[in-house]
N, C-alpha and C. Protein backbone atom coordinates (compact mmCIF):
# COMPACT_ATOMS: atom_id res chain seq x y z
N MET A 1 -2.04 31.99 -14.56
CA MET A 1 -1.42 31.78 -15.86
C MET A 1 -2.33 30.89 -16.70
N ASN A 2 -2.59 31.34 -17.88
CA ASN A 2 -3.45 30.59 -18.75
C ASN A 2 -2.76 30.12 -20.02
N ASN A 3 -1.63 30.72 -20.35
CA ASN A 3 -0.95 30.33 -21.58
C ASN A 3 0.54 30.62 -21.46
N LEU A 4 1.30 30.22 -22.47
CA LEU A 4 2.75 30.41 -22.41
C LEU A 4 3.15 31.88 -22.45
N GLY A 5 2.34 32.71 -23.07
CA GLY A 5 2.61 34.15 -23.06
C GLY A 5 2.54 34.72 -21.65
N ASP A 6 1.51 34.29 -20.91
CA ASP A 6 1.38 34.72 -19.51
C ASP A 6 2.55 34.22 -18.68
N LEU A 7 2.95 32.98 -18.93
CA LEU A 7 4.09 32.41 -18.20
C LEU A 7 5.34 33.21 -18.48
N ASN A 8 5.57 33.55 -19.72
CA ASN A 8 6.75 34.34 -20.09
C ASN A 8 6.75 35.68 -19.36
N MET A 9 5.60 36.34 -19.33
CA MET A 9 5.49 37.62 -18.64
C MET A 9 5.78 37.45 -17.14
N TYR A 10 5.23 36.40 -16.55
CA TYR A 10 5.43 36.15 -15.13
C TYR A 10 6.90 35.89 -14.81
N LEU A 11 7.57 35.15 -15.68
CA LEU A 11 9.00 34.86 -15.45
C LEU A 11 9.83 36.14 -15.51
N PHE A 12 9.50 37.02 -16.45
CA PHE A 12 10.23 38.29 -16.52
C PHE A 12 9.93 39.18 -15.30
N GLU A 13 8.72 39.13 -14.80
CA GLU A 13 8.39 39.88 -13.58
C GLU A 13 9.20 39.35 -12.41
N GLN A 14 9.34 38.03 -12.33
CA GLN A 14 10.14 37.44 -11.27
C GLN A 14 11.60 37.86 -11.39
N LEU A 15 12.10 37.89 -12.61
CA LEU A 15 13.47 38.34 -12.84
C LEU A 15 13.66 39.78 -12.39
N GLU A 16 12.68 40.62 -12.67
CA GLU A 16 12.75 42.01 -12.23
C GLU A 16 12.80 42.12 -10.70
N ARG A 17 12.01 41.29 -10.01
CA ARG A 17 12.04 41.31 -8.54
C ARG A 17 13.41 40.89 -8.02
N LEU A 18 14.03 39.93 -8.66
CA LEU A 18 15.37 39.51 -8.25
C LEU A 18 16.41 40.58 -8.52
N ASN A 19 16.16 41.42 -9.50
CA ASN A 19 17.12 42.43 -9.91
C ASN A 19 16.98 43.74 -9.14
N GLU A 20 15.99 43.85 -8.28
CA GLU A 20 15.81 45.08 -7.51
C GLU A 20 17.00 45.28 -6.57
N GLU A 21 17.60 46.46 -6.66
CA GLU A 21 18.81 46.74 -5.89
C GLU A 21 18.55 46.88 -4.40
N ASP A 22 17.36 47.29 -4.02
CA ASP A 22 17.08 47.52 -2.60
C ASP A 22 16.64 46.25 -1.87
N VAL A 23 16.60 45.12 -2.56
CA VAL A 23 16.22 43.86 -1.93
C VAL A 23 17.49 43.14 -1.49
N SER A 24 17.55 42.78 -0.21
CA SER A 24 18.73 42.10 0.30
C SER A 24 18.36 41.25 1.51
N GLY A 25 19.33 40.56 2.03
CA GLY A 25 19.14 39.78 3.24
C GLY A 25 18.08 38.70 3.11
N GLU A 26 17.25 38.59 4.14
CA GLU A 26 16.22 37.55 4.17
C GLU A 26 15.20 37.72 3.06
N THR A 27 14.88 38.97 2.74
CA THR A 27 13.92 39.22 1.66
C THR A 27 14.47 38.69 0.34
N LEU A 28 15.74 38.92 0.08
CA LEU A 28 16.36 38.41 -1.14
C LEU A 28 16.40 36.89 -1.14
N ASN A 29 16.75 36.30 0.00
CA ASN A 29 16.77 34.84 0.09
C ASN A 29 15.39 34.26 -0.16
N ASN A 30 14.36 34.88 0.38
CA ASN A 30 12.99 34.42 0.13
C ASN A 30 12.63 34.53 -1.35
N GLU A 31 13.05 35.61 -1.97
CA GLU A 31 12.76 35.81 -3.39
C GLU A 31 13.51 34.78 -4.24
N ILE A 32 14.72 34.45 -3.84
CA ILE A 32 15.49 33.42 -4.55
C ILE A 32 14.80 32.07 -4.42
N GLU A 33 14.33 31.72 -3.23
CA GLU A 33 13.60 30.47 -3.05
C GLU A 33 12.32 30.45 -3.89
N ARG A 34 11.64 31.57 -3.90
CA ARG A 34 10.41 31.68 -4.70
C ARG A 34 10.75 31.49 -6.18
N SER A 35 11.82 32.11 -6.63
CA SER A 35 12.23 31.99 -8.03
C SER A 35 12.56 30.55 -8.39
N SER A 36 13.19 29.86 -7.48
CA SER A 36 13.51 28.45 -7.70
C SER A 36 12.24 27.63 -7.88
N ALA A 37 11.26 27.86 -7.04
CA ALA A 37 9.98 27.15 -7.14
C ALA A 37 9.27 27.50 -8.44
N VAL A 38 9.26 28.78 -8.79
CA VAL A 38 8.62 29.23 -10.02
C VAL A 38 9.30 28.58 -11.23
N THR A 39 10.62 28.51 -11.20
CA THR A 39 11.38 27.91 -12.30
C THR A 39 11.01 26.44 -12.48
N LYS A 40 10.87 25.73 -11.38
CA LYS A 40 10.50 24.31 -11.47
C LYS A 40 9.11 24.13 -12.05
N VAL A 41 8.17 24.92 -11.59
CA VAL A 41 6.80 24.82 -12.11
C VAL A 41 6.76 25.24 -13.57
N ALA A 42 7.45 26.31 -13.90
CA ALA A 42 7.49 26.79 -15.29
C ALA A 42 8.08 25.71 -16.20
N GLY A 43 9.13 25.04 -15.73
CA GLY A 43 9.74 23.96 -16.51
C GLY A 43 8.74 22.85 -16.80
N ALA A 44 7.93 22.50 -15.80
CA ALA A 44 6.92 21.46 -15.99
C ALA A 44 5.87 21.91 -17.00
N ILE A 45 5.47 23.16 -16.93
CA ILE A 45 4.48 23.70 -17.88
C ILE A 45 5.05 23.67 -19.29
N ILE A 46 6.29 24.08 -19.44
CA ILE A 46 6.94 24.10 -20.75
C ILE A 46 7.10 22.68 -21.29
N ASP A 47 7.50 21.74 -20.43
CA ASP A 47 7.61 20.35 -20.86
C ASP A 47 6.26 19.81 -21.34
N ASN A 48 5.20 20.16 -20.64
CA ASN A 48 3.87 19.73 -21.03
C ASN A 48 3.49 20.32 -22.39
N ALA A 49 3.76 21.59 -22.59
CA ALA A 49 3.47 22.23 -23.87
C ALA A 49 4.28 21.58 -24.99
N ARG A 50 5.53 21.23 -24.70
CA ARG A 50 6.38 20.57 -25.69
C ARG A 50 5.79 19.21 -26.08
N LEU A 51 5.27 18.48 -25.11
CA LEU A 51 4.65 17.19 -25.37
C LEU A 51 3.41 17.34 -26.25
N VAL A 52 2.59 18.33 -25.95
CA VAL A 52 1.40 18.57 -26.77
C VAL A 52 1.80 18.93 -28.19
N LEU A 53 2.83 19.75 -28.35
CA LEU A 53 3.31 20.12 -29.67
C LEU A 53 3.82 18.90 -30.43
N GLN A 54 4.58 18.05 -29.76
CA GLN A 54 5.07 16.83 -30.39
C GLN A 54 3.91 15.93 -30.82
N ALA A 55 2.90 15.84 -29.98
CA ALA A 55 1.73 15.01 -30.31
C ALA A 55 1.01 15.58 -31.54
N GLU A 56 0.88 16.90 -31.61
CA GLU A 56 0.24 17.52 -32.77
C GLU A 56 1.05 17.26 -34.04
N LYS A 57 2.37 17.34 -33.94
CA LYS A 57 3.23 17.07 -35.09
C LYS A 57 3.07 15.62 -35.53
N MET A 58 3.04 14.70 -34.57
CA MET A 58 2.87 13.29 -34.88
C MET A 58 1.52 13.06 -35.58
N LYS A 59 0.51 13.74 -35.09
CA LYS A 59 -0.83 13.63 -35.68
C LYS A 59 -0.81 14.06 -37.14
N GLU A 60 -0.10 15.14 -37.44
CA GLU A 60 -0.02 15.65 -38.81
C GLU A 60 0.80 14.72 -39.71
N GLU A 61 1.81 14.07 -39.15
CA GLU A 61 2.72 13.24 -39.94
C GLU A 61 2.23 11.82 -40.13
N THR A 62 1.22 11.40 -39.40
CA THR A 62 0.73 10.03 -39.48
C THR A 62 -0.76 10.03 -39.78
N ALA A 63 -1.32 8.86 -39.79
CA ALA A 63 -2.74 8.72 -40.08
C ALA A 63 -3.60 8.87 -38.83
N VAL A 64 -3.01 9.26 -37.73
CA VAL A 64 -3.76 9.42 -36.48
C VAL A 64 -4.67 10.64 -36.63
N ASN A 65 -5.95 10.43 -36.46
CA ASN A 65 -6.91 11.53 -36.61
C ASN A 65 -7.25 12.20 -35.29
N LYS A 66 -7.15 11.45 -34.22
CA LYS A 66 -7.55 12.01 -32.92
C LYS A 66 -6.56 11.58 -31.87
N LEU A 67 -6.12 12.53 -31.10
CA LEU A 67 -5.23 12.26 -29.98
C LEU A 67 -6.04 12.08 -28.71
N PRO A 68 -5.47 11.42 -27.72
CA PRO A 68 -6.14 11.38 -26.41
C PRO A 68 -6.38 12.80 -25.91
N ASN A 69 -7.45 13.02 -25.20
CA ASN A 69 -7.80 14.36 -24.70
C ASN A 69 -6.65 15.04 -23.98
N ILE A 70 -5.89 14.31 -23.21
CA ILE A 70 -4.81 14.91 -22.43
C ILE A 70 -3.71 15.48 -23.31
N LEU A 71 -3.60 14.99 -24.56
CA LEU A 71 -2.55 15.47 -25.46
C LEU A 71 -3.03 16.49 -26.47
N GLN A 72 -4.27 16.88 -26.40
CA GLN A 72 -4.78 17.86 -27.34
C GLN A 72 -4.42 19.27 -26.88
N GLY A 73 -4.01 20.09 -27.82
CA GLY A 73 -3.59 21.45 -27.51
C GLY A 73 -4.74 22.37 -27.24
């Protein structure tokens, strides 16, 4: 995953795997666990993107010309 578009596509692919009718039992349980892990990581990625966006907005609204490297989009 390189960007939020890729993340969105990956999340929908995961949803499709969960929605497969022929998946059940242990395979389904494994997919549910995988989905839970993916959701947690995706949430962290989204939170990070939100922070970068907030930093960019702050930069535009104030006299700050340069953000720390970690906050640059």
